[in-house]
Amino acid sequence: MEIKKIEEFRNNKIKRLPPSVIKDIELKNQARRLANLAPIKIKVRMCIACNQPFESAGNRTCGCNTRSTGYIAGREII
């Protein structure tokens, strides 16, 4: 019974984006709409490093391994 509660808590715990980032994405979406481009969507993803759910606009890690994460040509490299 207790394991079920722990698993349920873990599934409900999602790392959220800060409000300033969400506001920035909204402003970018307004500009993209004027240019007839597809909007940036915020999705709940699973981190490929720690398997925790988090909100993302494109990254595959939640920031748990910032020291070992790098970017090459706009792609996240672990």
PDB file of N, CA and C in Angstrom:
ATOM      1  N   MET A   1       0.824  -1.197   0.000  1.00  0.00           N
ATOM      2  CA  MET A   1       0.000   0.000   0.000  1.00  0.00           C
ATOM      3  C   MET A   1       0.867   1.258   0.000  1.00  0.00           C
ATOM      4  N   GLU A   2       1.908   1.252   0.804  1.00  0.00           N
ATOM      5  CA  GLU A   2       2.772   2.421   0.900  1.00  0.00           C
ATOM      6  C   GLU A   2       3.572   2.629  -0.387  1.00  0.00           C
ATOM      7  N   ILE A   3       3.963   1.558  -1.046  1.00  0.00           N
ATOM      8  CA  ILE A   3       4.691   1.664  -2.312  1.00  0.00           C
ATOM      9  C   ILE A   3       3.798   2.318  -3.360  1.00  0.00           C
ATOM     10  N   LYS A   4       2.524   1.975  -3.340  1.00  0.00           N
ATOM     11  CA  LYS A   4       1.573   2.562  -4.278  1.00  0.00           C
ATOM     12  C   LYS A   4       1.458   4.071  -4.066  1.00  0.00           C
ATOM     13  N   LYS A   5       1.455   4.522  -2.806  1.00  0.00           N
ATOM     14  CA  LYS A   5       1.377   5.953  -2.508  1.00  0.00           C
ATOM     15  C   LYS A   5       2.624   6.683  -2.978  1.00  0.00           C
ATOM     16  N   ILE A   6       3.781   6.069  -2.787  1.00  0.00           N
ATOM     17  CA  ILE A   6       5.038   6.690  -3.226  1.00  0.00           C
ATOM     18  C   ILE A   6       5.058   6.817  -4.743  1.00  0.00           C
ATOM     19  N   GLU A   7       4.640   5.766  -5.433  1.00  0.00           N
ATOM     20  CA  GLU A   7       4.608   5.794  -6.894  1.00  0.00           C
ATOM     21  C   GLU A   7       3.604   6.828  -7.397  1.00  0.00           C
ATOM     22  N   GLU A   8       2.461   6.935  -6.729  1.00  0.00           N
ATOM     23  CA  GLU A   8       1.445   7.911  -7.099  1.00  0.00           C
ATOM     24  C   GLU A   8       1.974   9.330  -6.910  1.00  0.00           C
ATOM     25  N   PHE A   9       2.697   9.592  -5.816  1.00  0.00           N
ATOM     26  CA  PHE A   9       3.284  10.909  -5.558  1.00  0.00           C
ATOM     27  C   PHE A   9       4.322  11.237  -6.625  1.00  0.00           C
ATOM     28  N   ARG A  10       5.130  10.261  -6.986  1.00  0.00           N
ATOM     29  CA  ARG A  10       6.179  10.476  -7.985  1.00  0.00           C
ATOM     30  C   ARG A  10       5.564  10.814  -9.342  1.00  0.00           C
ATOM     31  N   ASN A  11       4.459  10.171  -9.697  1.00  0.00           N
ATOM     32  CA  ASN A  11       3.818  10.433 -10.981  1.00  0.00           C
ATOM     33  C   ASN A  11       3.177  11.811 -11.025  1.00  0.00           C
ATOM     34  N   ASN A  12       2.720  12.326  -9.889  1.00  0.00           N
ATOM     35  CA  ASN A  12       2.075  13.637  -9.852  1.00  0.00           C
ATOM     36  C   ASN A  12       3.063  14.784  -9.730  1.00  0.00           C
ATOM     37  N   LYS A  13       4.304  14.492  -9.437  1.00  0.00           N
ATOM     38  CA  LYS A  13       5.305  15.532  -9.250  1.00  0.00           C
ATOM     39  C   LYS A  13       5.967  15.840 -10.595  1.00  0.00           C
ATOM     40  N   ILE A  14       5.619  16.981 -11.157  1.00  0.00           N
ATOM     41  CA  ILE A  14       6.153  17.400 -12.454  1.00  0.00           C
ATOM     42  C   ILE A  14       6.917  18.694 -12.243  1.00  0.00           C
ATOM     43  N   LYS A  15       8.143  18.745 -12.742  1.00  0.00           N
ATOM     44  CA  LYS A  15       8.917  19.980 -12.668  1.00  0.00           C
ATOM     45  C   LYS A  15       8.321  20.977 -13.660  1.00  0.00           C
ATOM     46  N   ARG A  16       7.879  22.114 -13.161  1.00  0.00           N
ATOM     47  CA  ARG A  16       7.214  23.129 -13.983  1.00  0.00           C
ATOM     48  C   ARG A  16       8.205  24.167 -14.478  1.00  0.00           C
ATOM     49  N   LEU A  17       7.889  24.771 -15.616  1.00  0.00           N
ATOM     50  CA  LEU A  17       8.690  25.877 -16.125  1.00  0.00           C
ATOM     51  C   LEU A  17       8.388  27.128 -15.312  1.00  0.00           C
ATOM     52  N   PRO A  18       9.386  27.986 -15.111  1.00  0.00           N
ATOM     53  CA  PRO A  18       9.141  29.244 -14.396  1.00  0.00           C
ATOM     54  C   PRO A  18       8.188  30.147 -15.190  1.00  0.00           C
ATOM     55  N   PRO A  19       7.427  30.977 -14.492  1.00  0.00           N
ATOM     56  CA  PRO A  19       6.488  31.875 -15.189  1.00  0.00           C
ATOM     57  C   PRO A  19       7.150  32.790 -16.215  1.00  0.00           C
ATOM     58  N   SER A  20       8.374  33.210 -15.961  1.00  0.00           N
ATOM     59  CA  SER A  20       9.057  34.089 -16.917  1.00  0.00           C
ATOM     60  C   SER A  20       9.340  33.365 -18.234  1.00  0.00           C
ATOM     61  N   VAL A  21       9.643  32.080 -18.166  1.00  0.00           N
ATOM     62  CA  VAL A  21       9.895  31.300 -19.384  1.00  0.00           C
ATOM     63  C   VAL A  21       8.597  31.104 -20.165  1.00  0.00           C
ATOM     64  N   ILE A  22       7.510  30.837 -19.450  1.00  0.00           N
ATOM     65  CA  ILE A  22       6.215  30.668 -20.104  1.00  0.00           C
ATOM     66  C   ILE A  22       5.801  31.967 -20.794  1.00  0.00           C
ATOM     67  N   LYS A  23       6.025  33.104 -20.136  1.00  0.00           N
ATOM     68  CA  LYS A  23       5.700  34.403 -20.722  1.00  0.00           C
ATOM     69  C   LYS A  23       6.541  34.651 -21.974  1.00  0.00           C
ATOM     70  N   ASP A  24       7.822  34.290 -21.937  1.00  0.00           N
ATOM     71  CA  ASP A  24       8.702  34.439 -23.092  1.00  0.00           C
ATOM     72  C   ASP A  24       8.221  33.578 -24.263  1.00  0.00           C
ATOM     73  N   ILE A  25       7.799  32.362 -23.979  1.00  0.00           N
ATOM     74  CA  ILE A  25       7.291  31.480 -25.033  1.00  0.00           C
ATOM     75  C   ILE A  25       6.010  32.047 -25.626  1.00  0.00           C
ATOM     76  N   GLU A  26       5.148  32.618 -24.790  1.00  0.00           N
ATOM     77  CA  GLU A  26       3.920  33.235 -25.296  1.00  0.00           C
ATOM     78  C   GLU A  26       4.231  34.406 -26.235  1.00  0.00           C
ATOM     79  N   LEU A  27       5.220  35.230 -25.872  1.00  0.00           N
ATOM     80  CA  LEU A  27       5.607  36.351 -26.736  1.00  0.00           C
ATOM     81  C   LEU A  27       6.195  35.859 -28.057  1.00  0.00           C
ATOM     82  N   LYS A  28       7.006  34.798 -27.982  1.00  0.00           N
ATOM     83  CA  LYS A  28       7.564  34.227 -29.212  1.00  0.00           C
ATOM     84  C   LYS A  28       6.461  33.639 -30.087  1.00  0.00           C
ATOM     85  N   ASN A  29       5.452  33.034 -29.462  1.00  0.00           N
ATOM     86  CA  ASN A  29       4.341  32.466 -30.238  1.00  0.00           C
ATOM     87  C   ASN A  29       3.539  33.549 -30.953  1.00  0.00           C
ATOM     88  N   GLN A  30       3.399  34.725 -30.315  1.00  0.00           N
ATOM     89  CA  GLN A  30       2.713  35.821 -30.988  1.00  0.00           C
ATOM     90  C   GLN A  30       3.471  36.248 -32.240  1.00  0.00           C
ATOM     91  N   ALA A  31       4.791  36.334 -32.130  1.00  0.00           N
ATOM     92  CA  ALA A  31       5.616  36.704 -33.290  1.00  0.00           C
ATOM     93  C   ALA A  31       5.575  35.607 -34.356  1.00  0.00           C
ATOM     94  N   ARG A  32       5.590  34.358 -33.930  1.00  0.00           N
ATOM     95  CA  ARG A  32       5.532  33.239 -34.882  1.00  0.00           C
ATOM     96  C   ARG A  32       4.179  33.204 -35.611  1.00  0.00           C
ATOM     97  N   ARG A  33       3.110  33.557 -34.893  1.00  0.00           N
ATOM     98  CA  ARG A  33       1.783  33.582 -35.503  1.00  0.00           C
ATOM     99  C   ARG A  33       1.734  34.633 -36.620  1.00  0.00           C
ATOM    100  N   LEU A  34       2.368  35.800 -36.389  1.00  0.00           N
ATOM    101  CA  LEU A  34       2.401  36.852 -37.404  1.00  0.00           C
ATOM    102  C   LEU A  34       3.216  36.435 -38.625  1.00  0.00           C
ATOM    103  N   ALA A  35       4.191  35.563 -38.406  1.00  0.00           N
ATOM    104  CA  ALA A  35       5.037  35.088 -39.507  1.00  0.00           C
ATOM    105  C   ALA A  35       4.504  33.790 -40.117  1.00  0.00           C
ATOM    106  N   ASN A  36       3.309  33.376 -39.722  1.00  0.00           N
ATOM    107  CA  ASN A  36       2.679  32.138 -40.210  1.00  0.00           C
ATOM    108  C   ASN A  36       3.527  30.896 -39.937  1.00  0.00           C
ATOM    109  N   LEU A  37       4.140  30.852 -38.748  1.00  0.00           N
ATOM    110  CA  LEU A  37       4.919  29.686 -38.335  1.00  0.00           C
ATOM    111  C   LEU A  37       4.159  28.920 -37.257  1.00  0.00           C
ATOM    112  N   ALA A  38       4.508  27.667 -37.080  1.00  0.00           N
ATOM    113  CA  ALA A  38       3.861  26.839 -36.057  1.00  0.00           C
ATOM    114  C   ALA A  38       4.258  27.344 -34.673  1.00  0.00           C
ATOM    115  N   PRO A  39       3.324  27.308 -33.713  1.00  0.00           N
ATOM    116  CA  PRO A  39       3.641  27.786 -32.363  1.00  0.00           C
ATOM    117  C   PRO A  39       4.540  26.809 -31.613  1.00  0.00           C
ATOM    118  N   ILE A  40       5.242  27.334 -30.629  1.00  0.00           N
ATOM    119  CA  ILE A  40       6.061  26.508 -29.739  1.00  0.00           C
ATOM    120  C   ILE A  40       5.123  25.904 -28.703  1.00  0.00           C
ATOM    121  N   LYS A  41       5.156  24.592 -28.558  1.00  0.00           N
ATOM    122  CA  LYS A  41       4.268  23.907 -27.622  1.00  0.00           C
ATOM    123  C   LYS A  41       5.040  23.454 -26.395  1.00  0.00           C
ATOM    124  N   ILE A  42       4.435  23.614 -25.236  1.00  0.00           N
ATOM    125  CA  ILE A  42       5.016  23.131 -23.986  1.00  0.00           C
ATOM    126  C   ILE A  42       4.421  21.759 -23.720  1.00  0.00           C
ATOM    127  N   LYS A  43       5.297  20.759 -23.583  1.00  0.00           N
ATOM    128  CA  LYS A  43       4.862  19.384 -23.368  1.00  0.00           C
ATOM    129  C   LYS A  43       5.421  18.863 -22.054  1.00  0.00           C
ATOM    130  N   VAL A  44       4.747  17.874 -21.508  1.00  0.00           N
ATOM    131  CA  VAL A  44       5.284  17.159 -20.355  1.00  0.00           C
ATOM    132  C   VAL A  44       6.059  15.972 -20.908  1.00  0.00           C
ATOM    133  N   ARG A  45       7.349  15.934 -20.633  1.00  0.00           N
ATOM    134  CA  ARG A  45       8.231  14.876 -21.126  1.00  0.00           C
ATOM    135  C   ARG A  45       8.855  14.133 -19.958  1.00  0.00           C
ATOM    136  N   MET A  46       9.470  13.006 -20.269  1.00  0.00           N
ATOM    137  CA  MET A  46      10.239  12.255 -19.286  1.00  0.00           C
ATOM    138  C   MET A  46      11.714  12.557 -19.527  1.00  0.00           C
ATOM    139  N   CYS A  47      12.417  12.920 -18.479  1.00  0.00           N
ATOM    140  CA  CYS A  47      13.843  13.218 -18.575  1.00  0.00           C
ATOM    141  C   CYS A  47      14.588  11.946 -18.957  1.00  0.00           C
ATOM    142  N   ILE A  48      15.480  12.032 -19.947  1.00  0.00           N
ATOM    143  CA  ILE A  48      16.212  10.838 -20.364  1.00  0.00           C
ATOM    144  C   ILE A  48      17.359  10.511 -19.417  1.00  0.00           C
ATOM    145  N   ALA A  49      17.648  11.404 -18.487  1.00  0.00           N
ATOM    146  CA  ALA A  49      18.716  11.151 -17.523  1.00  0.00           C
ATOM    147  C   ALA A  49      18.185  10.591 -16.206  1.00  0.00           C
ATOM    148  N   CYS A  50      17.083  11.167 -15.688  1.00  0.00           N
ATOM    149  CA  CYS A  50      16.597  10.750 -14.360  1.00  0.00           C
ATOM    150  C   CYS A  50      15.176  10.184 -14.384  1.00  0.00           C
ATOM    151  N   ASN A  51      14.535  10.137 -15.537  1.00  0.00           N
ATOM    152  CA  ASN A  51      13.187   9.575 -15.712  1.00  0.00           C
ATOM    153  C   ASN A  51      12.114  10.259 -14.879  1.00  0.00           C
ATOM    154  N   GLN A  52      12.247  11.560 -14.642  1.00  0.00           N
ATOM    155  CA  GLN A  52      11.207  12.330 -13.960  1.00  0.00           C
ATOM    156  C   GLN A  52      10.438  13.143 -14.989  1.00  0.00           C
ATOM    157  N   PRO A  53       9.133  13.307 -14.801  1.00  0.00           N
ATOM    158  CA  PRO A  53       8.374  14.147 -15.730  1.00  0.00           C
ATOM    159  C   PRO A  53       8.679  15.632 -15.502  1.00  0.00           C
ATOM    160  N   PHE A  54       8.712  16.384 -16.591  1.00  0.00           N
ATOM    161  CA  PHE A  54       8.974  17.820 -16.508  1.00  0.00           C
ATOM    162  C   PHE A  54       8.361  18.510 -17.713  1.00  0.00           C
ATOM    163  N   GLU A  55       8.066  19.801 -17.575  1.00  0.00           N
ATOM    164  CA  GLU A  55       7.551  20.596 -18.691  1.00  0.00           C
ATOM    165  C   GLU A  55       8.717  21.045 -19.555  1.00  0.00           C
ATOM    166  N   SER A  56       8.529  20.947 -20.865  1.00  0.00           N
ATOM    167  CA  SER A  56       9.613  21.282 -21.766  1.00  0.00           C
ATOM    168  C   SER A  56       9.063  21.901 -23.045  1.00  0.00           C
ATOM    169  N   ALA A  57       9.869  22.759 -23.637  1.00  0.00           N
ATOM    170  CA  ALA A  57       9.548  23.325 -24.941  1.00  0.00           C
ATOM    171  C   ALA A  57      10.518  22.778 -25.984  1.00  0.00           C
ATOM    172  N   GLY A  58      11.213  21.682 -25.661  1.00  0.00           N
ATOM    173  CA  GLY A  58      12.113  21.090 -26.643  1.00  0.00           C
ATOM    174  C   GLY A  58      13.244  20.279 -26.050  1.00  0.00           C
ATOM    175  N   ASN A  59      13.683  20.588 -24.842  1.00  0.00           N
ATOM    176  CA  ASN A  59      14.796  19.858 -24.253  1.00  0.00           C
ATOM    177  C   ASN A  59      14.364  18.462 -23.827  1.00  0.00           C
ATOM    178  N   ARG A  60      15.319  17.545 -23.749  1.00  0.00           N
ATOM    179  CA  ARG A  60      15.044  16.172 -23.346  1.00  0.00           C
ATOM    180  C   ARG A  60      15.493  15.876 -21.919  1.00  0.00           C
ATOM    181  N   THR A  61      16.173  16.842 -21.282  1.00  0.00           N
ATOM    182  CA  THR A  61      16.559  16.672 -19.876  1.00  0.00           C
ATOM    183  C   THR A  61      15.997  17.824 -19.073  1.00  0.00           C
ATOM    184  N   CYS A  62      15.762  17.553 -17.788  1.00  0.00           N
ATOM    185  CA  CYS A  62      15.131  18.552 -16.921  1.00  0.00           C
ATOM    186  C   CYS A  62      16.136  19.495 -16.275  1.00  0.00           C
ATOM    187  N   GLY A  63      17.405  19.307 -16.536  1.00  0.00           N
ATOM    188  CA  GLY A  63      18.426  20.138 -15.912  1.00  0.00           C
ATOM    189  C   GLY A  63      19.110  19.432 -14.768  1.00  0.00           C
ATOM    190  N   CYS A  64      18.803  18.159 -14.561  1.00  0.00           N
ATOM    191  CA  CYS A  64      19.388  17.409 -13.452  1.00  0.00           C
ATOM    192  C   CYS A  64      20.868  17.117 -13.688  1.00  0.00           C
ATOM    193  N   ASN A  65      21.303  17.160 -14.924  1.00  0.00           N
ATOM    194  CA  ASN A  65      22.700  16.857 -15.246  1.00  0.00           C
ATOM    195  C   ASN A  65      23.318  18.003 -16.043  1.00  0.00           C
ATOM    196  N   THR A  66      23.221  19.202 -15.509  1.00  0.00           N
ATOM    197  CA  THR A  66      23.671  20.379 -16.259  1.00  0.00           C
ATOM    198  C   THR A  66      25.170  20.373 -16.526  1.00  0.00           C
ATOM    199  N   ARG A  67      25.937  19.702 -15.699  1.00  0.00           N
ATOM    200  CA  ARG A  67      27.386  19.688 -15.922  1.00  0.00           C
ATOM    201  C   ARG A  67      27.773  18.851 -17.128  1.00  0.00           C
ATOM    202  N   SER A  68      27.035  17.769 -17.371  1.00  0.00           N
ATOM    203  CA  SER A  68      27.410  16.875 -18.463  1.00  0.00           C
ATOM    204  C   SER A  68      26.619  17.123 -19.732  1.00  0.00           C
ATOM    205  N   THR A  69      25.719  18.112 -19.725  1.00  0.00           N
ATOM    206  CA  THR A  69      24.910  18.400 -20.897  1.00  0.00           C
ATOM    207  C   THR A  69      25.568  19.513 -21.705  1.00  0.00           C
ATOM    208  N   GLY A  70      25.602  19.338 -23.011  1.00  0.00           N
ATOM    209  CA  GLY A  70      26.127  20.354 -23.894  1.00  0.00           C
ATOM    210  C   GLY A  70      25.272  20.476 -25.132  1.00  0.00           C
ATOM    211  N   TYR A  71      25.518  21.497 -25.926  1.00  0.00           N
ATOM    212  CA  TYR A  71      24.756  21.704 -27.138  1.00  0.00           C
ATOM    213  C   TYR A  71      25.708  21.753 -28.311  1.00  0.00           C
ATOM    214  N   ILE A  72      25.375  21.033 -29.371  1.00  0.00           N
ATOM    215  CA  ILE A  72      26.119  21.097 -30.617  1.00  0.00           C
ATOM    216  C   ILE A  72      25.094  21.324 -31.721  1.00  0.00           C
ATOM    217  N   ALA A  73      25.236  22.412 -32.434  1.00  0.00           N
ATOM    218  CA  ALA A  73      24.333  22.774 -33.532  1.00  0.00           C
ATOM    219  C   ALA A  73      22.883  22.805 -33.089  1.00  0.00           C
ATOM    220  N   GLY A  74      22.639  23.294 -31.874  1.00  0.00           N
ATOM    221  CA  GLY A  74      21.279  23.430 -31.387  1.00  0.00           C
ATOM    222  C   GLY A  74      20.671  22.146 -30.842  1.00  0.00           C
ATOM    223  N   ARG A  75      21.442  21.056 -30.798  1.00  0.00           N
ATOM    224  CA  ARG A  75      20.948  19.778 -30.295  1.00  0.00           C
ATOM    225  C   ARG A  75      21.563  19.486 -28.948  1.00  0.00           C
ATOM    226  N   GLU A  76      20.772  18.955 -28.061  1.00  0.00           N
ATOM    227  CA  GLU A  76      21.244  18.648 -26.716  1.00  0.00           C
ATOM    228  C   GLU A  76      22.048  17.358 -26.733  1.00  0.00           C
ATOM    229  N   ILE A  77      23.259  17.408 -26.218  1.00  0.00           N
ATOM    230  CA  ILE A  77      24.150  16.252 -26.185  1.00  0.00           C
ATOM    231  C   ILE A  77      24.422  15.912 -24.726  1.00  0.00           C
ATOM    232  N   ILE A  78      24.278  14.642 -24.399  1.00  0.00           N
ATOM    233  CA  ILE A  78      24.539  14.213 -23.006  1.00  0.00           C
ATOM    234  C   ILE A  78      25.841  13.434 -22.970  1.00  0.00           C
TER     235      ILE A  78
END
